[in-house]
C-alpha atoms as a PDB file:
ATOM      1  CA  MET A   1       0.000   0.000   0.000  1.00  0.00           C
ATOM      2  CA  THR A   2       1.300   3.467  -0.852  1.00  0.00           C
ATOM      3  CA  ALA A   3       0.926   6.701   1.103  1.00  0.00           C
ATOM      4  CA  ASP A   4      -1.464   7.932  -1.594  1.00  0.00           C
ATOM      5  CA  GLU A   5      -3.627   4.828  -1.177  1.00  0.00           C
ATOM      6  CA  LEU A   6      -3.682   5.377   2.595  1.00  0.00           C
ATOM      7  CA  ARG A   7      -4.751   9.029   2.122  1.00  0.00           C
ATOM      8  CA  LYS A   8      -7.713   7.935  -0.016  1.00  0.00           C
ATOM      9  CA  ARG A   9      -9.054   5.583   2.659  1.00  0.00           C
ATOM     10  CA  HIS A  10     -11.253   6.478   5.614  1.00  0.00           C
ATOM     11  CA  CYS A  11     -11.064   5.279   9.187  1.00  0.00           C
ATOM     12  CA  GLU A  12     -13.515   2.668  10.402  1.00  0.00           C
ATOM     13  CA  PRO A  13     -14.557   2.057  14.011  1.00  0.00           C
ATOM     14  CA  LEU A  14     -12.273  -0.651  15.403  1.00  0.00           C
ATOM     15  CA  LYS A  15     -12.347  -2.386  18.771  1.00  0.00           C
ATOM     16  CA  GLY A  16     -10.530  -5.385  20.141  1.00  0.00           C
ATOM     17  CA  LYS A  17      -7.080  -6.905  19.838  1.00  0.00           C
ATOM     18  CA  GLU A  18      -8.053  -8.676  16.613  1.00  0.00           C
ATOM     19  CA  ASN A  19      -7.825  -5.276  14.863  1.00  0.00           C
ATOM     20  CA  GLN A  20      -4.296  -4.595  16.125  1.00  0.00           C
ATOM     21  CA  LEU A  21      -1.692  -4.727  13.356  1.00  0.00           C
ATOM     22  CA  SER A  22       1.131  -7.215  13.484  1.00  0.00           C
ATOM     23  CA  ALA A  23       4.618  -5.779  13.910  1.00  0.00           C
ATOM     24  CA  ALA A  24       5.465  -6.788  10.337  1.00  0.00           C
ATOM     25  CA  ARG A  25       2.377  -5.086   8.862  1.00  0.00           C
ATOM     26  CA  ALA A  26       2.957  -1.941  10.934  1.00  0.00           C
ATOM     27  CA  GLN A  27       6.577  -1.807   9.708  1.00  0.00           C
ATOM     28  CA  GLU A  28       5.421  -2.244   6.111  1.00  0.00           C
ATOM     29  CA  LEU A  29       2.932   0.633   6.413  1.00  0.00           C
ATOM     30  CA  LEU A  30       5.408   2.849   8.254  1.00  0.00           C
ATOM     31  CA  SER A  31       7.909   2.418   5.425  1.00  0.00           C
ATOM     32  CA  VAL A  32       5.630   4.337   3.016  1.00  0.00           C
ATOM     33  CA  LEU A  33       5.187   7.328   5.347  1.00  0.00           C
ATOM     34  CA  HIS A  34       7.870  10.017   5.152  1.00  0.00           C
ATOM     35  CA  GLY A  35       9.261  11.147   8.503  1.00  0.00           C
ATOM     36  CA  TRP A  36       7.154   8.920  10.771  1.00  0.00           C
ATOM     37  CA  GLU A  37       8.678   6.546  13.308  1.00  0.00           C
ATOM     38  CA  PHE A  38       7.617   4.151  16.024  1.00  0.00           C
ATOM     39  CA  GLY A  39       7.396   5.453  19.569  1.00  0.00           C
ATOM     40  CA  PRO A  40       8.848   3.552  22.526  1.00  0.00           C
ATOM     41  CA  GLY A  41       7.851  -0.100  22.401  1.00  0.00           C
ATOM     42  CA  SER A  42       6.184   0.494  19.014  1.00  0.00           C
ATOM     43  CA  ALA A  43       3.036   1.518  20.904  1.00  0.00           C
ATOM     44  CA  ASP A  44       2.434   4.482  18.604  1.00  0.00           C
ATOM     45  CA  ILE A  45       3.668   6.185  15.471  1.00  0.00           C
ATOM     46  CA  ARG A  46       4.926   9.739  15.695  1.00  0.00           C
ATOM     47  CA  ARG A  47       6.372  12.618  13.777  1.00  0.00           C
ATOM     48  CA  GLU A  48       7.544  16.047  14.807  1.00  0.00           C
ATOM     49  CA  PHE A  49       6.633  18.838  12.418  1.00  0.00           C
ATOM     50  CA  ARG A  50       8.676  22.084  12.446  1.00  0.00           C
ATOM     51  CA  PHE A  51       7.438  25.576  11.625  1.00  0.00           C
ATOM     52  CA  PRO A  52       8.994  29.057  11.531  1.00  0.00           C
ATOM     53  CA  ASP A  53       6.771  30.354  14.342  1.00  0.00           C
ATOM     54  CA  PHE A  54       4.036  29.490  16.824  1.00  0.00           C
ATOM     55  CA  LEU A  55       1.175  30.770  14.681  1.00  0.00           C
ATOM     56  CA  ARG A  56       1.961  28.386  11.808  1.00  0.00           C
ATOM     57  CA  ALA A  57       2.325  25.483  14.210  1.00  0.00           C
ATOM     58  CA  LEU A  58      -1.082  26.354  15.659  1.00  0.00           C
ATOM     59  CA  ALA A  59      -2.624  26.609  12.171  1.00  0.00           C
ATOM     60  CA  PHE A  60      -1.273  23.122  11.440  1.00  0.00           C
ATOM     61  CA  VAL A  61      -2.876  21.807  14.643  1.00  0.00           C
ATOM     62  CA  ASN A  62      -6.213  23.347  13.645  1.00  0.00           C
ATOM     63  CA  ALA A  63      -6.049  21.783  10.169  1.00  0.00           C
ATOM     64  CA  LEU A  64      -5.133  18.437  11.722  1.00  0.00           C
ATOM     65  CA  GLY A  65      -8.073  18.812  14.101  1.00  0.00           C
ATOM     66  CA  PHE A  66     -10.397  19.053  11.110  1.00  0.00           C
ATOM     67  CA  ILE A  67      -8.987  15.804   9.676  1.00  0.00           C
ATOM     68  CA  ALA A  68      -9.218  14.063  13.054  1.00  0.00           C
ATOM     69  CA  GLU A  69     -12.868  15.027  13.453  1.00  0.00           C
ATOM     70  CA  ASN A  70     -13.719  13.931   9.894  1.00  0.00           C
ATOM     71  CA  GLU A  71     -12.049  10.564  10.452  1.00  0.00           C
ATOM     72  CA  ASN A  72     -13.182  10.232  14.089  1.00  0.00           C
ATOM     73  CA  HIS A  73      -9.620   9.245  14.953  1.00  0.00           C
ATOM     74  CA  HIS A  74      -7.737  11.654  17.177  1.00  0.00           C
ATOM     75  CA  PRO A  75      -3.992  11.996  17.761  1.00  0.00           C
ATOM     76  CA  ASP A  76      -2.140  13.005  20.863  1.00  0.00           C
ATOM     77  CA  LEU A  77      -0.549  16.377  20.182  1.00  0.00           C
ATOM     78  CA  GLU A  78       2.260  18.325  21.795  1.00  0.00           C
ATOM     79  CA  LEU A  79       2.352  21.928  20.576  1.00  0.00           C
ATOM     80  CA  GLY A  80       5.221  24.306  21.232  1.00  0.00           C
ATOM     81  CA  TRP A  81       6.863  27.298  19.624  1.00  0.00           C
ATOM     82  CA  GLY A  82       7.531  26.304  16.012  1.00  0.00           C
ATOM     83  CA  ARG A  83       6.819  22.613  16.511  1.00  0.00           C
ATOM     84  CA  CYS A  84       4.121  20.006  16.897  1.00  0.00           C
ATOM     85  CA  LEU A  85       4.651  16.383  17.883  1.00  0.00           C
ATOM     86  CA  VAL A  86       1.857  14.162  16.531  1.00  0.00           C
ATOM     87  CA  ARG A  87       1.311  10.656  17.937  1.00  0.00           C
ATOM     88  CA  PHE A  88      -1.232   8.150  16.672  1.00  0.00           C
ATOM     89  CA  SER A  89      -2.345   4.906  18.296  1.00  0.00           C
ATOM     90  CA  THR A  90      -5.682   3.158  18.603  1.00  0.00           C
ATOM     91  CA  HIS A  91      -6.587   2.807  22.263  1.00  0.00           C
ATOM     92  CA  ASP A  92      -9.597   0.596  21.474  1.00  0.00           C
ATOM     93  CA  VAL A  93      -7.331  -2.087  19.973  1.00  0.00           C
ATOM     94  CA  GLY A  94      -4.488  -1.667  22.450  1.00  0.00           C
ATOM     95  CA  GLY A  95      -1.887  -0.651  19.879  1.00  0.00           C
ATOM     96  CA  LEU A  96      -1.628   0.278  16.231  1.00  0.00           C
ATOM     97  CA  SER A  97      -4.401  -0.134  13.683  1.00  0.00           C
ATOM     98  CA  LEU A  98      -4.794   0.750  10.027  1.00  0.00           C
ATOM     99  CA  ASN A  99      -6.576   3.947  11.156  1.00  0.00           C
ATOM    100  CA  ASP A 100      -3.311   5.283  12.603  1.00  0.00           C
ATOM    101  CA  PHE A 101      -1.549   4.986   9.261  1.00  0.00           C
ATOM    102  CA  ILE A 102      -4.478   6.445   7.327  1.00  0.00           C
ATOM    103  CA  CYS A 103      -4.455   9.518   9.560  1.00  0.00           C
ATOM    104  CA  ALA A 104      -0.659   9.789   9.512  1.00  0.00           C
ATOM    105  CA  ALA A 105      -0.738   9.843   5.708  1.00  0.00           C
ATOM    106  CA  LYS A 106      -3.417  12.547   5.726  1.00  0.00           C
ATOM    107  CA  THR A 107      -1.477  14.546   8.325  1.00  0.00           C
ATOM    108  CA  GLY A 108       1.711  14.463   6.274  1.00  0.00           C
ATOM    109  CA  ALA A 109      -0.224  15.629   3.200  1.00  0.00           C
ATOM    110  CA  LEU A 110      -1.133  18.886   4.967  1.00  0.00           C
ATOM    111  CA  LEU A 111       2.387  20.116   4.172  1.00  0.00           C
ATOM    112  CA  GLY A 112       2.605  18.728   0.652  1.00  0.00           C
ATOM    113  CA  PRO A 113       3.694  15.428  -0.846  1.00  0.00           C
END
């Protein structure tokens, strides 16, 4: 699956461990996403975005909020001056799901290909 294919998909409600991705599948999906990495213990995927000032970082967070609401899949965010750390995981499956990679692909597209 490519990043473009992930961006075209939409999140689906997922619950239960059976919807958790295997480590191999998560690694495969991560490999198509520019700049994203696993968090500690591979419990999430994350990327830090950099901006020239606070206002642009905040605008990015607001745009990401729109995506998160549309997909009903919400990241953990850490906003600071000129930066935003975005972390995705699916609490209802106890780890990573396809929804995390869909939203990561859409998040990365906010700043271009």
